[in-house]
């Protein structure tokens, strides 16, 4: 008996999606394994100050004599996992709020959506800065601020999806059979809204990294001597002539954000029933 091989439909293989997945996977591996192979202690100040990139220090050193390459890898262990955690928390909270509002409707929907509108009425970055400053400068306070400004988009999307599905025949039939609201949401509705929410979450990872890095750049996120990409760029402003201090962390942020955006765009093309890529995937 011949063993069947697992094949990925060609329509699912997007060049940009593959590139994004490889880059994102690479950074995730670096984030969780960087402490094992750091060439220098990212906090040690035992190297020549403002040394240009070379053989001994691949990306140079900063004004305190710390190795930029080691701090970049160590910063990945901070920025990437925290951004993933931030997006997961925002997605879960916003999805639950949107599902409850869309399924029950009436005053529940009205109350929850007015709260969502209240948060969305303020510019995202400004509100995040206000919350982070109120809580005090720290990485986890910046994460809380980012979650507060990020969940409404998930709530809005989930509500609209649930509103379009709750009147479908199979959902009504389940309710007539005695399904509780929680079971109806979990069994009949949730499988049909996972795709769009997953696409939004993937695209939101890049936004989360930019927001966290921005708060750290302004002094409201990770505090010295923690190696974090945004704070590393902020430190480069004091030594503008030493280009390597800010360029390499900036390139790291750029590659991660682009990678997750590529993945999100590819997933959106797959889950969007009107796209040519999605129709080709169905035929495959």
Protein backbone atom coordinates (compact mmCIF):
# COMPACT_ATOMS: atom_id res chain seq x y z
CA UNK A 1 0.00 0.00 0.00
CA UNK A 2 1.48 3.31 -1.08
CA UNK A 3 1.73 5.97 1.56
CA UNK A 4 0.08 9.23 0.59
CA UNK A 5 2.20 12.35 0.89
CA UNK A 6 0.90 15.45 2.56
CA UNK A 7 0.83 18.15 -0.09
CA UNK A 8 0.26 21.83 0.37
CA UNK A 9 -1.98 23.26 -2.37
CA UNK A 10 0.02 25.42 -4.76
CA UNK A 11 -2.49 28.22 -4.34
CA UNK A 12 -1.52 28.45 -0.67
CA UNK A 13 2.13 29.07 -1.49
CA UNK A 14 2.60 32.82 -1.89
CA UNK A 15 6.20 33.99 -2.49
CA UNK A 16 5.85 36.92 -0.12
CA UNK A 17 4.10 34.71 2.42
CA UNK A 18 6.94 32.18 2.30
CA UNK A 19 9.55 34.93 2.68
CA UNK A 20 7.62 36.44 5.58
CA UNK A 21 7.21 33.06 7.27
CA UNK A 22 10.93 32.30 6.99
CA UNK A 23 11.94 35.70 8.40
CA UNK A 24 9.34 35.57 11.18
CA UNK A 25 10.31 32.02 12.13
CA UNK A 26 13.95 33.05 12.18
CA UNK A 27 13.30 35.93 14.56
CA UNK A 28 11.11 33.75 16.81
CA UNK A 29 13.91 31.18 17.04
CA UNK A 30 16.39 33.94 17.82
CA UNK A 31 14.06 35.36 20.47
CA UNK A 32 13.89 32.08 22.38
CA UNK A 33 17.46 30.87 21.87
CA UNK A 34 19.54 34.07 21.84
CA UNK A 35 20.85 33.71 25.43
CA UNK A 36 22.56 30.47 24.39
CA UNK A 37 24.97 32.01 21.90
CA UNK A 38 25.41 35.70 22.68
CA UNK A 39 29.00 36.71 21.81
CA UNK A 40 29.10 39.25 24.66
CA UNK A 41 27.14 40.09 27.76
CA UNK A 42 24.51 42.62 26.51
CA UNK A 43 24.77 44.56 29.78
CA UNK A 44 28.55 44.49 30.19
CA UNK A 45 30.38 47.77 29.59
CA UNK A 46 33.81 46.27 28.94
CA UNK A 47 34.39 47.12 25.26
CA UNK A 48 35.75 50.27 23.60
CA UNK A 49 33.08 52.95 23.38
CA UNK A 50 31.52 53.86 20.04
CA UNK A 51 33.58 51.30 18.19
CA UNK A 52 32.58 50.89 14.54
CA UNK A 53 31.34 47.52 13.22
CA UNK A 54 34.20 45.10 12.71
CA UNK A 55 35.40 41.57 13.27
CA UNK A 56 35.33 41.67 17.08
CA UNK A 57 32.06 43.60 17.26
CA UNK A 58 29.94 42.84 14.21
CA UNK A 59 27.60 45.78 14.77
CA UNK A 60 29.86 48.03 16.81
CA UNK A 61 29.41 49.25 20.35
CA UNK A 62 27.35 52.00 21.96
CA UNK A 63 28.38 54.95 24.09
CA UNK A 64 28.74 52.73 27.17
CA UNK A 65 30.90 50.11 25.49
CA UNK A 66 28.14 47.49 25.09
CA UNK A 67 28.06 45.18 22.08
CA UNK A 68 25.23 46.20 19.72
CA UNK A 69 24.93 42.72 18.16
CA UNK A 70 24.49 41.06 21.56
CA UNK A 71 21.97 43.70 22.61
CA UNK A 72 20.09 43.29 19.33
CA UNK A 73 19.70 39.55 19.86
CA UNK A 74 18.82 40.08 23.50
CA UNK A 75 16.29 42.71 22.46
CA UNK A 76 14.60 40.18 20.20
CA UNK A 77 14.03 38.03 23.29
CA UNK A 78 12.13 40.98 24.78
CA UNK A 79 10.33 42.59 21.84
CA UNK A 80 9.07 39.59 19.86
CA UNK A 81 7.59 37.43 22.68
CA UNK A 82 6.04 40.46 24.37
CA UNK A 83 4.45 41.56 21.09
CA UNK A 84 3.02 38.07 20.54
CA UNK A 85 1.65 38.06 24.08
CA UNK A 86 0.16 41.52 23.58
CA UNK A 87 -1.63 40.52 20.39
CA UNK A 88 -2.91 37.26 21.92
CA UNK A 89 -4.33 39.09 24.94
CA UNK A 90 -5.94 41.79 22.78
CA UNK A 91 -7.39 39.21 20.41
CA UNK A 92 -8.89 37.06 23.18
CA UNK A 93 -10.40 39.95 25.09
CA UNK A 94 -11.70 41.77 22.01
CA UNK A 95 -13.10 38.59 20.47
CA UNK A 96 -14.99 37.69 23.63
CA UNK A 97 -16.43 41.20 23.93
CA UNK A 98 -17.45 41.29 20.26
CA UNK A 99 -18.97 37.80 20.35
CA UNK A 100 -21.08 38.63 23.40
CA UNK A 101 -22.23 41.93 21.90
CA UNK A 102 -23.10 40.43 18.53
CA UNK A 103 -24.84 37.32 19.85
CA UNK A 104 -27.00 38.82 22.60
CA UNK A 105 -27.67 42.22 20.99
CA UNK A 106 -30.02 44.77 22.56
CA UNK A 107 -28.66 46.59 25.63
CA UNK A 108 -25.66 44.28 25.92
CA UNK A 109 -24.59 45.15 22.39
CA UNK A 110 -25.31 48.83 22.92
CA UNK A 111 -23.30 49.05 26.14
CA UNK A 112 -20.27 47.13 24.93
CA UNK A 113 -20.11 48.92 21.60
CA UNK A 114 -20.33 52.35 23.23
CA UNK A 115 -17.36 51.35 25.38
CA UNK A 116 -15.55 50.25 22.23
CA UNK A 117 -16.38 53.54 20.51
CA UNK A 118 -15.07 55.44 23.52
CA UNK A 119 -11.66 53.77 23.27
CA UNK A 120 -11.53 54.13 19.48
CA UNK A 121 -12.40 57.83 19.68
CA UNK A 122 -8.86 58.62 20.84
CA UNK A 123 -5.77 58.34 18.62
CA UNK A 124 -4.13 55.00 19.35
CA UNK A 125 -0.61 56.24 20.06
CA UNK A 126 -1.75 59.23 22.12
CA UNK A 127 -4.03 57.08 24.30
CA UNK A 128 -1.29 54.49 24.76
CA UNK A 129 1.13 57.23 25.83
CA UNK A 130 -1.39 58.62 28.33
CA UNK A 131 -2.09 55.21 29.86
CA UNK A 132 1.60 54.25 30.01
CA UNK A 133 2.54 57.57 31.57
CA UNK A 134 -0.26 57.24 34.12
CA UNK A 135 0.81 53.72 35.13
CA UNK A 136 4.51 54.60 35.16
CA UNK A 137 7.38 53.87 32.78
CA UNK A 138 7.98 50.11 32.50
CA UNK A 139 7.74 47.42 29.86
CA UNK A 140 4.69 45.70 31.33
CA UNK A 141 2.84 48.97 31.84
CA UNK A 142 3.49 49.68 28.16
CA UNK A 143 2.03 46.25 27.35
CA UNK A 144 -1.10 47.03 29.39
CA UNK A 145 -1.44 50.36 27.58
CA UNK A 146 -1.06 48.66 24.21
CA UNK A 147 -3.70 46.05 25.07
CA UNK A 148 -6.15 48.78 26.13
CA UNK A 149 -5.85 50.51 22.75
CA UNK A 150 -5.73 47.33 20.64
CA UNK A 151 -8.72 45.21 21.66
CA UNK A 152 -11.54 47.37 20.15
CA UNK A 153 -10.68 46.43 16.55
CA UNK A 154 -11.12 42.74 17.39
CA UNK A 155 -14.40 43.48 19.15
CA UNK A 156 -15.73 45.41 16.14
CA UNK A 157 -14.78 42.73 13.64
CA UNK A 158 -16.07 39.85 15.77
CA UNK A 159 -19.38 41.61 16.39
CA UNK A 160 -19.98 42.17 12.69
CA UNK A 161 -19.16 38.53 11.91
CA UNK A 162 -21.39 37.19 14.67
CA UNK A 163 -24.26 39.45 13.60
CA UNK A 164 -24.08 38.01 10.09
CA UNK A 165 -23.99 34.40 11.35
CA UNK A 166 -26.40 34.28 14.29
CA UNK A 167 -29.46 34.26 12.00
CA UNK A 168 -28.15 31.45 9.78
CA UNK A 169 -30.29 28.32 9.70
CA UNK A 170 -27.71 26.03 11.29
CA UNK A 171 -27.24 28.43 14.22
CA UNK A 172 -31.01 28.78 14.73
CA UNK A 173 -31.39 25.00 14.49
CA UNK A 174 -28.78 24.52 17.18
CA UNK A 175 -30.59 26.93 19.47
CA UNK A 176 -33.86 25.07 18.89
CA UNK A 177 -32.11 21.84 19.83
CA UNK A 178 -31.24 23.36 23.19
CA UNK A 179 -27.71 24.69 22.64
CA UNK A 180 -26.70 27.18 25.30
CA UNK A 181 -25.39 30.55 24.10
CA UNK A 182 -21.83 29.50 24.98
CA UNK A 183 -22.15 26.21 23.07
CA UNK A 184 -23.74 27.91 20.09
CA UNK A 185 -20.91 30.42 19.94
CA UNK A 186 -18.23 27.76 20.35
CA UNK A 187 -19.67 25.10 18.02
CA UNK A 188 -21.62 26.92 15.32
CA UNK A 189 -20.12 30.40 15.10
CA UNK A 190 -16.49 30.31 16.24
CA UNK A 191 -15.20 28.02 13.44
CA UNK A 192 -16.54 30.45 10.84
CA UNK A 193 -14.90 33.58 12.25
CA UNK A 194 -11.44 32.21 13.04
CA UNK A 195 -10.02 33.05 9.60
CA UNK A 196 -10.64 36.83 9.55
CA UNK A 197 -9.59 37.18 13.19
CA UNK A 198 -6.38 35.26 12.55
CA UNK A 199 -5.57 37.53 9.61
CA UNK A 200 -6.16 40.63 11.72
CA UNK A 201 -4.01 39.25 14.55
CA UNK A 202 -1.14 38.45 12.19
CA UNK A 203 -1.19 41.94 10.72
CA UNK A 204 -1.47 43.39 14.22
CA UNK A 205 1.81 41.82 15.37
CA UNK A 206 3.78 44.34 13.33
CA UNK A 207 1.68 47.17 14.73
CA UNK A 208 2.25 45.89 18.26
CA UNK A 209 6.02 45.82 17.77
CA UNK A 210 5.96 49.38 16.41
CA UNK A 211 3.80 50.56 19.31
CA UNK A 212 5.94 48.92 21.98
CA UNK A 213 9.13 50.18 20.36
CA UNK A 214 7.63 53.66 20.09
CA UNK A 215 6.71 53.74 23.78
CA UNK A 216 10.20 52.54 24.72
CA UNK A 217 11.69 55.16 22.41
CA UNK A 218 9.77 57.83 24.33
CA UNK A 219 10.94 56.43 27.68
CA UNK A 220 7.56 54.93 28.61
CA UNK A 221 8.39 51.29 27.90
CA UNK A 222 11.44 49.18 28.71
CA UNK A 223 13.85 50.98 31.00
CA UNK A 224 17.67 50.92 30.97
CA UNK A 225 19.67 48.77 31.04
CA UNK A 226 17.15 46.38 29.42
CA UNK A 227 18.01 45.72 25.79
CA UNK A 228 14.92 46.66 23.77
CA UNK A 229 14.91 47.82 20.18
CA UNK A 230 12.98 51.04 20.75
CA UNK A 231 15.15 52.12 23.67
CA UNK A 232 18.28 51.28 21.64
CA UNK A 233 17.15 53.63 18.89
CA UNK A 234 16.42 56.29 21.50
CA UNK A 235 19.96 55.97 22.86
CA UNK A 236 21.35 56.55 19.37
CA UNK A 237 20.00 60.11 19.34
CA UNK A 238 22.69 61.14 21.80
CA UNK A 239 25.39 59.91 19.39
CA UNK A 240 23.92 60.68 16.00
CA UNK A 241 27.26 60.41 14.21
CA UNK A 242 27.58 56.78 15.30
CA UNK A 243 25.05 55.52 12.76
CA UNK A 244 25.30 51.86 13.71
CA UNK A 245 23.71 52.37 17.14
CA UNK A 246 20.29 53.14 15.69
CA UNK A 247 20.42 51.63 12.21
CA UNK A 248 20.65 47.97 13.21
CA UNK A 249 17.76 48.01 15.73
CA UNK A 250 15.72 49.92 13.13
CA UNK A 251 16.45 47.26 10.52
CA UNK A 252 15.42 44.58 12.99
CA UNK A 253 12.07 46.28 13.57
CA UNK A 254 11.63 46.73 9.81
CA UNK A 255 12.26 43.08 8.98
CA UNK A 256 9.95 41.74 11.69
CA UNK A 257 7.10 44.09 10.81
CA UNK A 258 7.41 43.36 7.09
CA UNK A 259 7.55 39.61 7.73
CA UNK A 260 4.30 39.49 9.68
CA UNK A 261 2.63 41.86 7.21
CA UNK A 262 3.59 39.51 4.36
CA UNK A 263 2.12 36.57 6.28
CA UNK A 264 -1.05 38.49 7.06
CA UNK A 265 -1.53 39.55 3.45
CA UNK A 266 -1.11 35.94 2.28
CA UNK A 267 -3.59 34.66 4.86
CA UNK A 268 -6.07 37.36 3.89
CA UNK A 269 -5.87 36.29 0.24
CA UNK A 270 -6.48 32.68 1.25
CA UNK A 271 -9.46 33.35 3.55
CA UNK A 272 -11.06 36.01 1.34
CA UNK A 273 -13.60 34.15 -0.84
CA UNK A 274 -13.48 36.89 -3.49
CA UNK A 275 -9.72 36.60 -4.13
CA UNK A 276 -8.28 34.56 -6.95
CA UNK A 277 -5.87 32.84 -4.56
CA UNK A 278 -8.76 31.65 -2.37
CA UNK A 279 -10.69 30.28 -5.36
CA UNK A 280 -7.62 28.46 -6.55
CA UNK A 281 -7.12 26.97 -3.07
CA UNK A 282 -10.71 25.69 -3.07
CA UNK A 283 -10.25 24.06 -6.46
CA UNK A 284 -7.02 22.42 -5.28
